[in-house]
Amino acid sequence: MFGSRGITNSVQNIFGYWLTSRVQQALLANGSGCFDSSNDCTPLNIFGIAGSVTPDMLNFVQGNSGITTNVKLSQARGTINGDTPLQLWAKNPVSFAIGTEYRKYTSNILPDALALNGDIAGGGFGGAPPIVHGGLDVYEGFAEVIAPIVSDRPFFDELQLEAGIRRSHYTLAAEPTLLAAQGLSSNPKFNTTTWKVAGSWSPVRDIKFRGAFNRAVRAPNISELFTPITTILTNLAVDPCAGTTNPAAVRAGLPLNPNLNNAALRAVCIAQGAPAAQIGQITNPTGGQANLTTGGSLRLHPETATTWTVGAWSCFMPRA
């Protein structure tokens, strides 16, 4: 049996960005000073000659911000393993392992007031980061068996089978406001099952063939589940809806984009808000950046995959 408790606390500090509210306050000024003199306002001259923006002006409009992230993981596991009385035609008996595990994840992302209110200006910051708060509990049971079938026989130096299964139960822990925003009356729950069947065969001691068939599962993480819908900045050097199929327009500066002849792509562009009449005349984003509206969903379900692997191993060593 074992248990563990992990806590990670981090703070991201953001320096040198201009504050939108301070810039607006500093620009609303005349020769005698700011119309709103609070916070020791210093008028900002952005239309002067080089050097007209003084250190005092910069000190007034610049601000520091921070985002605090707290992550916790509690874990406990109990396992029983050993050999069974069952021994087939091999030198080793059938062995097993059974156990149970509990994990509790919690995460909090807390921007300060400046970041949360979207007062930090600048393309690098993008948009106001949301508060992310959530957690989940996981209860699991698992079992595994390794069964040596034959050993030390002609063409069967070793033949072995393996099997395992893990059943997991997830319970989410969301704030009532987030549940209401997503139209849910209670915290969602879901189950997952992973399993494997594998085997290996060594016709002689120096050669082994092996294979496995597995069901893999990836449950959604806290960010994918609990992040509120928000608009942020993303990198986008080439807009799939940008460009033209008209050679004359290419000569005028628009990039050639033959994909715009695809009716499905045109339909997606229009569905995303591009006016139909503008398809073929859209330019790529300035600075290679664009707004992206994204967020998590408490309705997400685990991803599953069925995989198989095969392999061979050899090691020819001189024998004594």
C-alpha atoms as a PDB file:
ATOM      1  CA  MET A   1       0.000   0.000   0.000  1.00  0.00           C
ATOM      2  CA  PHE A   2       1.127   3.532  -0.599  1.00  0.00           C
ATOM      3  CA  GLY A   3      -0.179   7.084  -0.620  1.00  0.00           C
ATOM      4  CA  SER A   4       1.141  10.384  -1.896  1.00  0.00           C
ATOM      5  CA  ARG A   5       0.251  14.053  -1.903  1.00  0.00           C
ATOM      6  CA  GLY A   6       1.645  16.500  -4.449  1.00  0.00           C
ATOM      7  CA  ILE A   7       1.201  20.275  -4.480  1.00  0.00           C
ATOM      8  CA  THR A   8       2.504  22.616  -7.173  1.00  0.00           C
ATOM      9  CA  ASN A   9       2.190  26.388  -6.875  1.00  0.00           C
ATOM     10  CA  SER A  10       3.435  28.704  -9.601  1.00  0.00           C
ATOM     11  CA  VAL A  11       3.119  32.404 -10.403  1.00  0.00           C
ATOM     12  CA  GLN A  12       3.516  33.842 -13.897  1.00  0.00           C
ATOM     13  CA  ASN A  13       4.543  37.490 -13.688  1.00  0.00           C
ATOM     14  CA  ILE A  14       3.924  39.769 -16.673  1.00  0.00           C
ATOM     15  CA  PHE A  15       5.989  42.943 -16.946  1.00  0.00           C
ATOM     16  CA  GLY A  16       6.169  45.889 -19.326  1.00  0.00           C
ATOM     17  CA  TYR A  17       2.674  45.795 -20.808  1.00  0.00           C
ATOM     18  CA  TRP A  18       0.655  48.963 -21.168  1.00  0.00           C
ATOM     19  CA  LEU A  19      -2.636  49.249 -19.316  1.00  0.00           C
ATOM     20  CA  THR A  20      -5.564  50.175 -21.546  1.00  0.00           C
ATOM     21  CA  SER A  21      -7.267  52.239 -18.831  1.00  0.00           C
ATOM     22  CA  ARG A  22      -4.081  54.196 -18.098  1.00  0.00           C
ATOM     23  CA  VAL A  23      -3.453  54.912 -21.792  1.00  0.00           C
ATOM     24  CA  GLN A  24      -7.003  56.208 -22.193  1.00  0.00           C
ATOM     25  CA  GLN A  25      -6.604  58.365 -19.091  1.00  0.00           C
ATOM     26  CA  ALA A  26      -3.231  59.735 -20.215  1.00  0.00           C
ATOM     27  CA  LEU A  27      -4.466  60.564 -23.730  1.00  0.00           C
ATOM     28  CA  LEU A  28      -7.430  62.555 -22.409  1.00  0.00           C
ATOM     29  CA  ALA A  29      -5.285  65.563 -21.590  1.00  0.00           C
ATOM     30  CA  ASN A  30      -4.456  69.105 -22.615  1.00  0.00           C
ATOM     31  CA  GLY A  31      -1.556  71.434 -22.028  1.00  0.00           C
ATOM     32  CA  SER A  32      -2.330  71.727 -18.315  1.00  0.00           C
ATOM     33  CA  GLY A  33      -2.522  67.996 -17.586  1.00  0.00           C
ATOM     34  CA  CYS A  34      -4.867  65.020 -17.578  1.00  0.00           C
ATOM     35  CA  PHE A  35      -8.583  65.688 -17.359  1.00  0.00           C
ATOM     36  CA  ASP A  36      -8.628  62.902 -14.761  1.00  0.00           C
ATOM     37  CA  SER A  37      -5.599  63.470 -12.535  1.00  0.00           C
ATOM     38  CA  SER A  38      -6.083  60.386 -10.338  1.00  0.00           C
ATOM     39  CA  ASN A  39      -3.176  57.989  -9.828  1.00  0.00           C
ATOM     40  CA  ASP A  40      -0.767  60.913 -10.525  1.00  0.00           C
ATOM     41  CA  CYS A  41      -1.694  60.819 -14.198  1.00  0.00           C
ATOM     42  CA  THR A  42       1.034  61.883 -16.631  1.00  0.00           C
ATOM     43  CA  PRO A  43      -0.210  63.032 -20.085  1.00  0.00           C
ATOM     44  CA  LEU A  44       0.980  60.774 -22.887  1.00  0.00           C
ATOM     45  CA  ASN A  45       2.273  62.295 -26.112  1.00  0.00           C
ATOM     46  CA  ILE A  46       2.249  59.604 -28.800  1.00  0.00           C
ATOM     47  CA  PHE A  47       2.270  62.031 -31.725  1.00  0.00           C
ATOM     48  CA  GLY A  48       5.475  63.895 -30.911  1.00  0.00           C
ATOM     49  CA  ILE A  49       8.953  63.516 -32.298  1.00  0.00           C
ATOM     50  CA  ALA A  50      11.303  60.718 -31.299  1.00  0.00           C
ATOM     51  CA  GLY A  51      11.826  60.830 -27.545  1.00  0.00           C
ATOM     52  CA  SER A  52       8.538  62.577 -26.819  1.00  0.00           C
ATOM     53  CA  VAL A  53       7.405  59.566 -24.741  1.00  0.00           C
ATOM     54  CA  THR A  54       9.291  60.174 -21.507  1.00  0.00           C
ATOM     55  CA  PRO A  55      10.139  57.702 -18.717  1.00  0.00           C
ATOM     56  CA  ASP A  56       7.463  59.328 -16.533  1.00  0.00           C
ATOM     57  CA  MET A  57       4.869  58.690 -19.229  1.00  0.00           C
ATOM     58  CA  LEU A  58       5.933  55.051 -19.511  1.00  0.00           C
ATOM     59  CA  ASN A  59       5.895  54.559 -15.744  1.00  0.00           C
ATOM     60  CA  PHE A  60       2.300  55.760 -15.621  1.00  0.00           C
ATOM     61  CA  VAL A  61       0.899  53.616 -18.450  1.00  0.00           C
ATOM     62  CA  GLN A  62       2.852  50.432 -17.710  1.00  0.00           C
ATOM     63  CA  GLY A  63       1.756  47.850 -15.181  1.00  0.00           C
ATOM     64  CA  ASN A  64       2.674  44.437 -13.813  1.00  0.00           C
ATOM     65  CA  SER A  65       0.305  41.523 -13.625  1.00  0.00           C
ATOM     66  CA  GLY A  66       0.365  37.933 -12.438  1.00  0.00           C
ATOM     67  CA  ILE A  67      -1.438  34.621 -12.811  1.00  0.00           C
ATOM     68  CA  THR A  68      -1.297  32.120  -9.945  1.00  0.00           C
ATOM     69  CA  THR A  69      -1.723  28.407 -10.612  1.00  0.00           C
ATOM     70  CA  ASN A  70      -2.286  25.880  -7.826  1.00  0.00           C
ATOM     71  CA  VAL A  71      -2.436  22.151  -8.631  1.00  0.00           C
ATOM     72  CA  LYS A  72      -2.923  19.317  -6.136  1.00  0.00           C
ATOM     73  CA  LEU A  73      -2.923  15.536  -6.504  1.00  0.00           C
ATOM     74  CA  SER A  74      -3.811  13.046  -3.779  1.00  0.00           C
ATOM     75  CA  GLN A  75      -3.280   9.364  -4.493  1.00  0.00           C
ATOM     76  CA  ALA A  76      -3.626   6.052  -2.648  1.00  0.00           C
ATOM     77  CA  ARG A  77      -3.130   2.522  -3.946  1.00  0.00           C
ATOM     78  CA  GLY A  78      -3.288  -0.981  -2.580  1.00  0.00           C
ATOM     79  CA  THR A  79      -1.981  -4.029  -4.466  1.00  0.00           C
ATOM     80  CA  ILE A  80      -1.766  -7.759  -3.808  1.00  0.00           C
ATOM     81  CA  ASN A  81       0.444  -9.838  -6.084  1.00  0.00           C
ATOM     82  CA  GLY A  82       2.141 -13.202  -6.066  1.00  0.00           C
ATOM     83  CA  ASP A  83       2.089 -16.718  -7.463  1.00  0.00           C
ATOM     84  CA  THR A  84      -0.916 -19.018  -7.663  1.00  0.00           C
ATOM     85  CA  PRO A  85      -0.827 -22.780  -6.993  1.00  0.00           C
ATOM     86  CA  LEU A  86      -1.522 -23.317 -10.691  1.00  0.00           C
ATOM     87  CA  GLN A  87       1.490 -24.435 -12.706  1.00  0.00           C
ATOM     88  CA  LEU A  88       1.065 -25.593 -16.287  1.00  0.00           C
ATOM     89  CA  TRP A  89       3.849 -27.085 -18.437  1.00  0.00           C
ATOM     90  CA  ALA A  90       6.306 -24.365 -17.496  1.00  0.00           C
ATOM     91  CA  LYS A  91       8.933 -23.973 -14.805  1.00  0.00           C
ATOM     92  CA  ASN A  92       7.141 -20.962 -13.291  1.00  0.00           C
ATOM     93  CA  PRO A  93       3.572 -20.878 -11.891  1.00  0.00           C
ATOM     94  CA  VAL A  94       0.801 -18.544 -12.986  1.00  0.00           C
ATOM     95  CA  SER A  95       1.182 -15.184 -11.213  1.00  0.00           C
ATOM     96  CA  PHE A  96      -1.325 -12.416 -10.584  1.00  0.00           C
ATOM     97  CA  ALA A  97      -1.826  -8.864  -9.317  1.00  0.00           C
ATOM     98  CA  ILE A  98      -5.045  -7.211  -8.137  1.00  0.00           C
ATOM     99  CA  GLY A  99      -5.549  -3.816  -6.613  1.00  0.00           C
ATOM    100  CA  THR A 100      -7.453  -0.595  -6.241  1.00  0.00           C
ATOM    101  CA  GLU A 101      -6.475   3.043  -6.581  1.00  0.00           C
ATOM    102  CA  TYR A 102      -7.926   6.444  -5.717  1.00  0.00           C
ATOM    103  CA  ARG A 103      -6.824   9.792  -7.157  1.00  0.00           C
ATOM    104  CA  LYS A 104      -8.092  13.298  -6.513  1.00  0.00           C
ATOM    105  CA  TYR A 105      -7.073  16.165  -8.818  1.00  0.00           C
ATOM    106  CA  THR A 106      -7.742  19.850  -8.148  1.00  0.00           C
ATOM    107  CA  SER A 107      -6.567  22.866 -10.097  1.00  0.00           C
ATOM    108  CA  ASN A 108      -7.032  26.612  -9.710  1.00  0.00           C
ATOM    109  CA  ILE A 109      -5.841  29.267 -12.159  1.00  0.00           C
ATOM    110  CA  LEU A 110      -6.316  32.731 -10.652  1.00  0.00           C
ATOM    111  CA  PRO A 111      -5.431  35.820 -12.722  1.00  0.00           C
ATOM    112  CA  ASP A 112      -5.107  39.076 -10.808  1.00  0.00           C
ATOM    113  CA  ALA A 113      -7.551  41.944 -11.347  1.00  0.00           C
ATOM    114  CA  LEU A 114      -5.580  43.530 -14.206  1.00  0.00           C
ATOM    115  CA  ALA A 115      -5.391  40.308 -16.202  1.00  0.00           C
ATOM    116  CA  LEU A 116      -8.940  39.245 -15.381  1.00  0.00           C
ATOM    117  CA  ASN A 117     -10.452  42.558 -16.460  1.00  0.00           C
ATOM    118  CA  GLY A 118      -8.577  42.589 -19.767  1.00  0.00           C
ATOM    119  CA  ASP A 119      -6.778  45.839 -18.889  1.00  0.00           C
ATOM    120  CA  ILE A 120      -3.417  44.579 -20.190  1.00  0.00           C
ATOM    121  CA  ALA A 121      -2.877  45.752 -23.760  1.00  0.00           C
ATOM    122  CA  GLY A 122      -0.587  44.212 -26.346  1.00  0.00           C
ATOM    123  CA  GLY A 123      -0.649  41.459 -28.927  1.00  0.00           C
ATOM    124  CA  GLY A 124       1.503  39.124 -26.850  1.00  0.00           C
ATOM    125  CA  PHE A 125      -1.042  38.906 -24.052  1.00  0.00           C
ATOM    126  CA  GLY A 126      -4.044  38.361 -26.281  1.00  0.00           C
ATOM    127  CA  GLY A 127      -7.089  38.564 -24.036  1.00  0.00           C
ATOM    128  CA  ALA A 128      -8.354  38.360 -20.505  1.00  0.00           C
ATOM    129  CA  PRO A 129      -7.511  34.894 -19.104  1.00  0.00           C
ATOM    130  CA  PRO A 130     -10.429  33.230 -17.297  1.00  0.00           C
ATOM    131  CA  ILE A 131     -10.516  31.828 -13.790  1.00  0.00           C
ATOM    132  CA  VAL A 132     -10.261  28.035 -14.048  1.00  0.00           C
ATOM    133  CA  HIS A 133     -11.375  26.061 -11.026  1.00  0.00           C
ATOM    134  CA  GLY A 134     -12.226  22.386 -10.971  1.00  0.00           C
ATOM    135  CA  GLY A 135     -11.337  18.915  -9.898  1.00  0.00           C
ATOM    136  CA  LEU A 136     -12.189  15.271 -10.280  1.00  0.00           C
ATOM    137  CA  ASP A 137     -12.109  12.045  -8.284  1.00  0.00           C
ATOM    138  CA  VAL A 138     -11.100   8.714  -9.788  1.00  0.00           C
ATOM    139  CA  TYR A 139     -11.803   5.291  -8.280  1.00  0.00           C
ATOM    140  CA  GLU A 140     -10.157   2.324  -9.994  1.00  0.00           C
ATOM    141  CA  GLY A 141      -9.881  -1.425  -9.718  1.00  0.00           C
ATOM    142  CA  PHE A 142      -7.438  -3.512 -11.716  1.00  0.00           C
ATOM    143  CA  ALA A 143      -6.256  -7.084 -12.206  1.00  0.00           C
ATOM    144  CA  GLU A 144      -3.474  -8.727 -14.182  1.00  0.00           C
ATOM    145  CA  VAL A 145      -2.371 -12.290 -14.783  1.00  0.00           C
ATOM    146  CA  ILE A 146       0.812 -13.730 -16.308  1.00  0.00           C
ATOM    147  CA  ALA A 147       0.509 -17.360 -17.335  1.00  0.00           C
ATOM    148  CA  PRO A 148       3.629 -19.291 -18.420  1.00  0.00           C
ATOM    149  CA  ILE A 149       2.223 -22.075 -20.596  1.00  0.00           C
ATOM    150  CA  VAL A 150       5.234 -24.138 -21.716  1.00  0.00           C
ATOM    151  CA  SER A 151       8.964 -23.917 -21.107  1.00  0.00           C
ATOM    152  CA  ASP A 152      12.107 -25.923 -21.828  1.00  0.00           C
ATOM    153  CA  ARG A 153      10.496 -28.019 -24.594  1.00  0.00           C
ATOM    154  CA  PRO A 154      11.520 -28.462 -28.238  1.00  0.00           C
ATOM    155  CA  PHE A 155      10.435 -25.358 -30.190  1.00  0.00           C
ATOM    156  CA  PHE A 156       9.016 -23.970 -26.940  1.00  0.00           C
ATOM    157  CA  ASP A 157      11.833 -22.586 -24.875  1.00  0.00           C
ATOM    158  CA  GLU A 158       9.076 -20.328 -23.469  1.00  0.00           C
ATOM    159  CA  LEU A 159       5.406 -19.683 -24.272  1.00  0.00           C
ATOM    160  CA  GLN A 160       3.612 -17.151 -22.122  1.00  0.00           C
ATOM    161  CA  LEU A 161       0.260 -15.336 -22.102  1.00  0.00           C
ATOM    162  CA  GLU A 162      -0.711 -12.130 -20.288  1.00  0.00           C
ATOM    163  CA  ALA A 163      -3.998 -10.360 -19.636  1.00  0.00           C
ATOM    164  CA  GLY A 164      -5.022  -7.295 -17.672  1.00  0.00           C
ATOM    165  CA  ILE A 165      -8.003  -5.027 -17.078  1.00  0.00           C
ATOM    166  CA  ARG A 166      -8.592  -1.694 -15.325  1.00  0.00           C
ATOM    167  CA  ARG A 167     -11.999  -0.171 -14.569  1.00  0.00           C
ATOM    168  CA  SER A 168     -12.164   3.535 -13.657  1.00  0.00           C
ATOM    169  CA  HIS A 169     -14.990   5.701 -12.328  1.00  0.00           C
ATOM    170  CA  TYR A 170     -14.694   9.495 -12.693  1.00  0.00           C
ATOM    171  CA  THR A 171     -16.713  12.114 -10.804  1.00  0.00           C
ATOM    172  CA  LEU A 172     -16.267  15.772 -11.752  1.00  0.00           C
ATOM    173  CA  ALA A 173     -16.362  18.627  -9.220  1.00  0.00           C
ATOM    174  CA  ALA A 174     -17.445  21.844 -10.942  1.00  0.00           C
ATOM    175  CA  GLU A 175     -18.669  25.123  -9.488  1.00  0.00           C
ATOM    176  CA  PRO A 176     -22.479  25.621  -9.584  1.00  0.00           C
ATOM    177  CA  THR A 177     -22.039  28.650 -11.864  1.00  0.00           C
ATOM    178  CA  LEU A 178     -20.150  26.570 -14.434  1.00  0.00           C
ATOM    179  CA  LEU A 179     -22.739  23.793 -14.252  1.00  0.00           C
ATOM    180  CA  ALA A 180     -25.505  26.326 -14.858  1.00  0.00           C
ATOM    181  CA  ALA A 181     -23.603  27.937 -17.744  1.00  0.00           C
ATOM    182  CA  GLN A 182     -23.389  24.556 -19.480  1.00  0.00           C
ATOM    183  CA  GLY A 183     -26.992  23.588 -18.745  1.00  0.00           C
ATOM    184  CA  LEU A 184     -26.198  20.878 -16.190  1.00  0.00           C
ATOM    185  CA  SER A 185     -27.960  20.281 -12.889  1.00  0.00           C
ATOM    186  CA  SER A 186     -25.310  18.022 -11.338  1.00  0.00           C
ATOM    187  CA  ASN A 187     -21.695  17.037 -11.780  1.00  0.00           C
ATOM    188  CA  PRO A 188     -21.173  14.536 -14.613  1.00  0.00           C
ATOM    189  CA  LYS A 189     -19.797  11.044 -14.031  1.00  0.00           C
ATOM    190  CA  PHE A 190     -18.362   8.542 -16.459  1.00  0.00           C
ATOM    191  CA  ASN A 191     -16.616   5.170 -16.522  1.00  0.00           C
ATOM    192  CA  THR A 192     -13.738   3.824 -18.562  1.00  0.00           C
ATOM    193  CA  THR A 193     -12.332   0.344 -19.093  1.00  0.00           C
ATOM    194  CA  THR A 194      -8.902  -0.504 -20.416  1.00  0.00           C
ATOM    195  CA  TRP A 195      -7.607  -3.988 -21.065  1.00  0.00           C
ATOM    196  CA  LYS A 196      -4.805  -5.915 -22.723  1.00  0.00           C
ATOM    197  CA  VAL A 197      -4.143  -9.387 -24.058  1.00  0.00           C
ATOM    198  CA  ALA A 198      -0.529 -10.236 -24.862  1.00  0.00           C
ATOM    199  CA  GLY A 199       1.673 -13.201 -25.508  1.00  0.00           C
ATOM    200  CA  SER A 200       5.268 -14.163 -26.247  1.00  0.00           C
ATOM    201  CA  TRP A 201       6.886 -17.238 -27.755  1.00  0.00           C
ATOM    202  CA  SER A 202      10.547 -18.215 -27.769  1.00  0.00           C
ATOM    203  CA  PRO A 203      11.204 -21.225 -30.000  1.00  0.00           C
ATOM    204  CA  VAL A 204      14.807 -21.140 -28.722  1.00  0.00           C
ATOM    205  CA  ARG A 205      16.478 -19.185 -25.972  1.00  0.00           C
ATOM    206  CA  ASP A 206      17.931 -16.506 -28.260  1.00  0.00           C
ATOM    207  CA  ILE A 207      14.793 -15.580 -30.219  1.00  0.00           C
ATOM    208  CA  LYS A 208      11.468 -14.212 -28.979  1.00  0.00           C
ATOM    209  CA  PHE A 209       8.288 -13.181 -30.798  1.00  0.00           C
ATOM    210  CA  ARG A 210       5.700 -11.119 -29.000  1.00  0.00           C
ATOM    211  CA  GLY A 211       2.395  -9.396 -29.651  1.00  0.00           C
ATOM    212  CA  ALA A 212      -0.292  -7.472 -27.789  1.00  0.00           C
ATOM    213  CA  PHE A 213      -3.838  -6.248 -28.343  1.00  0.00           C
ATOM    214  CA  ASN A 214      -4.943  -3.323 -26.179  1.00  0.00           C
ATOM    215  CA  ARG A 215      -7.795  -0.960 -25.443  1.00  0.00           C
ATOM    216  CA  ALA A 216      -6.375   2.465 -24.531  1.00  0.00           C
ATOM    217  CA  VAL A 217      -8.275   5.355 -22.909  1.00  0.00           C
ATOM    218  CA  ARG A 218      -7.510   9.051 -22.390  1.00  0.00           C
ATOM    219  CA  ALA A 219      -9.864  10.902 -20.070  1.00  0.00           C
ATOM    220  CA  PRO A 220     -10.258  14.704 -20.500  1.00  0.00           C
ATOM    221  CA  ASN A 221      -8.024  16.798 -18.270  1.00  0.00           C
ATOM    222  CA  ILE A 222      -9.038  19.683 -15.996  1.00  0.00           C
ATOM    223  CA  SER A 223      -8.297  22.379 -18.569  1.00  0.00           C
ATOM    224  CA  GLU A 224     -10.389  20.597 -21.222  1.00  0.00           C
ATOM    225  CA  LEU A 225     -13.258  20.208 -18.777  1.00  0.00           C
ATOM    226  CA  PHE A 226     -13.402  23.374 -16.692  1.00  0.00           C
ATOM    227  CA  THR A 227     -12.024  26.297 -18.742  1.00  0.00           C
ATOM    228  CA  PRO A 228     -14.848  28.813 -19.356  1.00  0.00           C
ATOM    229  CA  ILE A 229     -15.559  29.963 -22.892  1.00  0.00           C
ATOM    230  CA  THR A 230     -13.234  32.874 -23.604  1.00  0.00           C
ATOM    231  CA  THR A 231     -11.608  34.704 -26.516  1.00  0.00           C
ATOM    232  CA  ILE A 232      -7.816  34.528 -26.647  1.00  0.00           C
ATOM    233  CA  LEU A 233      -5.071  35.173 -29.163  1.00  0.00           C
ATOM    234  CA  THR A 234      -3.744  32.396 -31.381  1.00  0.00           C
ATOM    235  CA  ASN A 235      -1.124  32.109 -34.103  1.00  0.00           C
ATOM    236  CA  LEU A 236      -2.528  32.097 -37.619  1.00  0.00           C
ATOM    237  CA  ALA A 237      -0.102  33.043 -40.370  1.00  0.00           C
ATOM    238  CA  VAL A 238      -2.323  31.752 -43.182  1.00  0.00           C
ATOM    239  CA  ASP A 239      -6.106  31.989 -43.048  1.00  0.00           C
ATOM    240  CA  PRO A 240      -7.634  29.052 -44.979  1.00  0.00           C
ATOM    241  CA  CYS A 241     -10.312  31.477 -46.187  1.00  0.00           C
ATOM    242  CA  ALA A 242      -7.787  34.067 -47.398  1.00  0.00           C
ATOM    243  CA  GLY A 243      -6.452  34.524 -50.884  1.00  0.00           C
ATOM    244  CA  THR A 244      -7.955  34.335 -54.332  1.00  0.00           C
ATOM    245  CA  THR A 245      -8.253  32.125 -57.375  1.00  0.00           C
ATOM    246  CA  ASN A 246      -8.069  35.140 -59.697  1.00  0.00           C
ATOM    247  CA  PRO A 247      -4.633  35.687 -61.321  1.00  0.00           C
ATOM    248  CA  ALA A 248      -5.351  39.412 -61.687  1.00  0.00           C
ATOM    249  CA  ALA A 249      -5.978  39.669 -57.950  1.00  0.00           C
ATOM    250  CA  VAL A 250      -2.709  37.826 -57.327  1.00  0.00           C
ATOM    251  CA  ARG A 251      -0.896  40.539 -59.258  1.00  0.00           C
ATOM    252  CA  ALA A 252      -2.646  43.068 -57.023  1.00  0.00           C
ATOM    253  CA  GLY A 253      -1.130  41.457 -53.941  1.00  0.00           C
ATOM    254  CA  LEU A 254      -3.509  38.737 -52.756  1.00  0.00           C
ATOM    255  CA  PRO A 255      -2.012  35.238 -52.388  1.00  0.00           C
ATOM    256  CA  LEU A 256      -3.192  32.536 -54.752  1.00  0.00           C
ATOM    257  CA  ASN A 257      -5.407  30.012 -52.972  1.00  0.00           C
ATOM    258  CA  PRO A 258      -6.790  27.319 -55.320  1.00  0.00           C
ATOM    259  CA  ASN A 259      -8.495  25.674 -52.318  1.00  0.00           C
ATOM    260  CA  LEU A 260     -11.179  28.358 -52.492  1.00  0.00           C
ATOM    261  CA  ASN A 261     -12.623  26.472 -55.451  1.00  0.00           C
ATOM    262  CA  ASN A 262     -13.620  23.771 -52.944  1.00  0.00           C
ATOM    263  CA  ALA A 263     -17.327  24.178 -52.139  1.00  0.00           C
ATOM    264  CA  ALA A 264     -16.908  22.566 -48.704  1.00  0.00           C
ATOM    265  CA  LEU A 265     -14.184  25.059 -47.705  1.00  0.00           C
ATOM    266  CA  ARG A 266     -16.260  27.997 -48.948  1.00  0.00           C
ATOM    267  CA  ALA A 267     -19.182  26.756 -46.858  1.00  0.00           C
ATOM    268  CA  VAL A 268     -17.006  26.566 -43.732  1.00  0.00           C
ATOM    269  CA  CYS A 269     -15.654  30.083 -44.342  1.00  0.00           C
ATOM    270  CA  ILE A 270     -19.181  31.448 -44.677  1.00  0.00           C
ATOM    271  CA  ALA A 271     -20.323  29.535 -41.578  1.00  0.00           C
ATOM    272  CA  GLN A 272     -17.458  31.127 -39.628  1.00  0.00           C
ATOM    273  CA  GLY A 273     -18.700  34.615 -40.538  1.00  0.00           C
ATOM    274  CA  ALA A 274     -16.954  35.466 -43.797  1.00  0.00           C
ATOM    275  CA  PRO A 275     -19.359  37.314 -46.153  1.00  0.00           C
ATOM    276  CA  ALA A 276     -19.996  35.215 -49.240  1.00  0.00           C
ATOM    277  CA  ALA A 277     -19.220  38.177 -51.478  1.00  0.00           C
ATOM    278  CA  GLN A 278     -15.780  38.546 -49.855  1.00  0.00           C
ATOM    279  CA  ILE A 279     -14.598  34.977 -50.427  1.00  0.00           C
ATOM    280  CA  GLY A 280     -11.549  35.367 -52.627  1.00  0.00           C
ATOM    281  CA  GLN A 281     -10.737  38.853 -51.329  1.00  0.00           C
ATOM    282  CA  ILE A 282      -9.803  38.110 -47.708  1.00  0.00           C
ATOM    283  CA  THR A 283      -6.282  38.952 -46.567  1.00  0.00           C
ATOM    284  CA  ASN A 284      -4.201  36.988 -44.076  1.00  0.00           C
ATOM    285  CA  PRO A 285      -4.176  38.130 -40.432  1.00  0.00           C
ATOM    286  CA  THR A 286      -1.898  41.052 -39.622  1.00  0.00           C
ATOM    287  CA  GLY A 287       1.081  39.942 -37.542  1.00  0.00           C
ATOM    288  CA  GLY A 288       0.178  36.275 -38.010  1.00  0.00           C
ATOM    289  CA  GLN A 289      -2.299  36.350 -35.109  1.00  0.00           C
ATOM    290  CA  ALA A 290      -6.068  36.099 -34.788  1.00  0.00           C
ATOM    291  CA  ASN A 291      -8.731  35.881 -32.109  1.00  0.00           C
ATOM    292  CA  LEU A 292      -9.794  32.398 -31.054  1.00  0.00           C
ATOM    293  CA  THR A 293     -12.886  31.643 -28.985  1.00  0.00           C
ATOM    294  CA  THR A 294     -12.303  28.451 -27.036  1.00  0.00           C
ATOM    295  CA  GLY A 295     -13.038  26.724 -23.769  1.00  0.00           C
ATOM    296  CA  GLY A 296     -13.723  23.437 -22.048  1.00  0.00           C
ATOM    297  CA  SER A 297     -16.868  21.357 -21.709  1.00  0.00           C
ATOM    298  CA  LEU A 298     -18.139  19.225 -18.842  1.00  0.00           C
ATOM    299  CA  ARG A 299     -19.866  17.048 -21.443  1.00  0.00           C
ATOM    300  CA  LEU A 300     -16.591  15.672 -22.817  1.00  0.00           C
ATOM    301  CA  HIS A 301     -16.201  11.904 -22.788  1.00  0.00           C
ATOM    302  CA  PRO A 302     -12.993   9.855 -22.759  1.00  0.00           C
ATOM    303  CA  GLU A 303     -11.194   9.111 -25.992  1.00  0.00           C
ATOM    304  CA  THR A 304     -10.626   5.430 -26.768  1.00  0.00           C
ATOM    305  CA  ALA A 305      -8.327   3.539 -29.087  1.00  0.00           C
ATOM    306  CA  THR A 306      -7.767  -0.100 -29.956  1.00  0.00           C
ATOM    307  CA  THR A 307      -4.117  -0.837 -30.655  1.00  0.00           C
ATOM    308  CA  TRP A 308      -1.984  -3.831 -31.476  1.00  0.00           C
ATOM    309  CA  THR A 309       1.753  -4.355 -31.486  1.00  0.00           C
ATOM    310  CA  VAL A 310       3.992  -7.106 -32.729  1.00  0.00           C
ATOM    311  CA  GLY A 311       7.723  -7.519 -32.405  1.00  0.00           C
ATOM    312  CA  ALA A 312      10.665  -9.842 -32.423  1.00  0.00           C
ATOM    313  CA  TRP A 313      13.772  -9.940 -30.265  1.00  0.00           C
ATOM    314  CA  SER A 314      17.019 -11.818 -30.650  1.00  0.00           C
ATOM    315  CA  CYS A 315      20.234 -11.943 -28.680  1.00  0.00           C
ATOM    316  CA  PHE A 316      22.831 -14.490 -29.722  1.00  0.00           C
ATOM    317  CA  MET A 317      25.332 -14.867 -26.894  1.00  0.00           C
ATOM    318  CA  PRO A 318      28.192 -17.345 -26.652  1.00  0.00           C
ATOM    319  CA  ARG A 319      27.394 -20.105 -24.258  1.00  0.00           C
ATOM    320  CA  ALA A 320      29.741 -21.508 -21.681  1.00  0.00           C
END
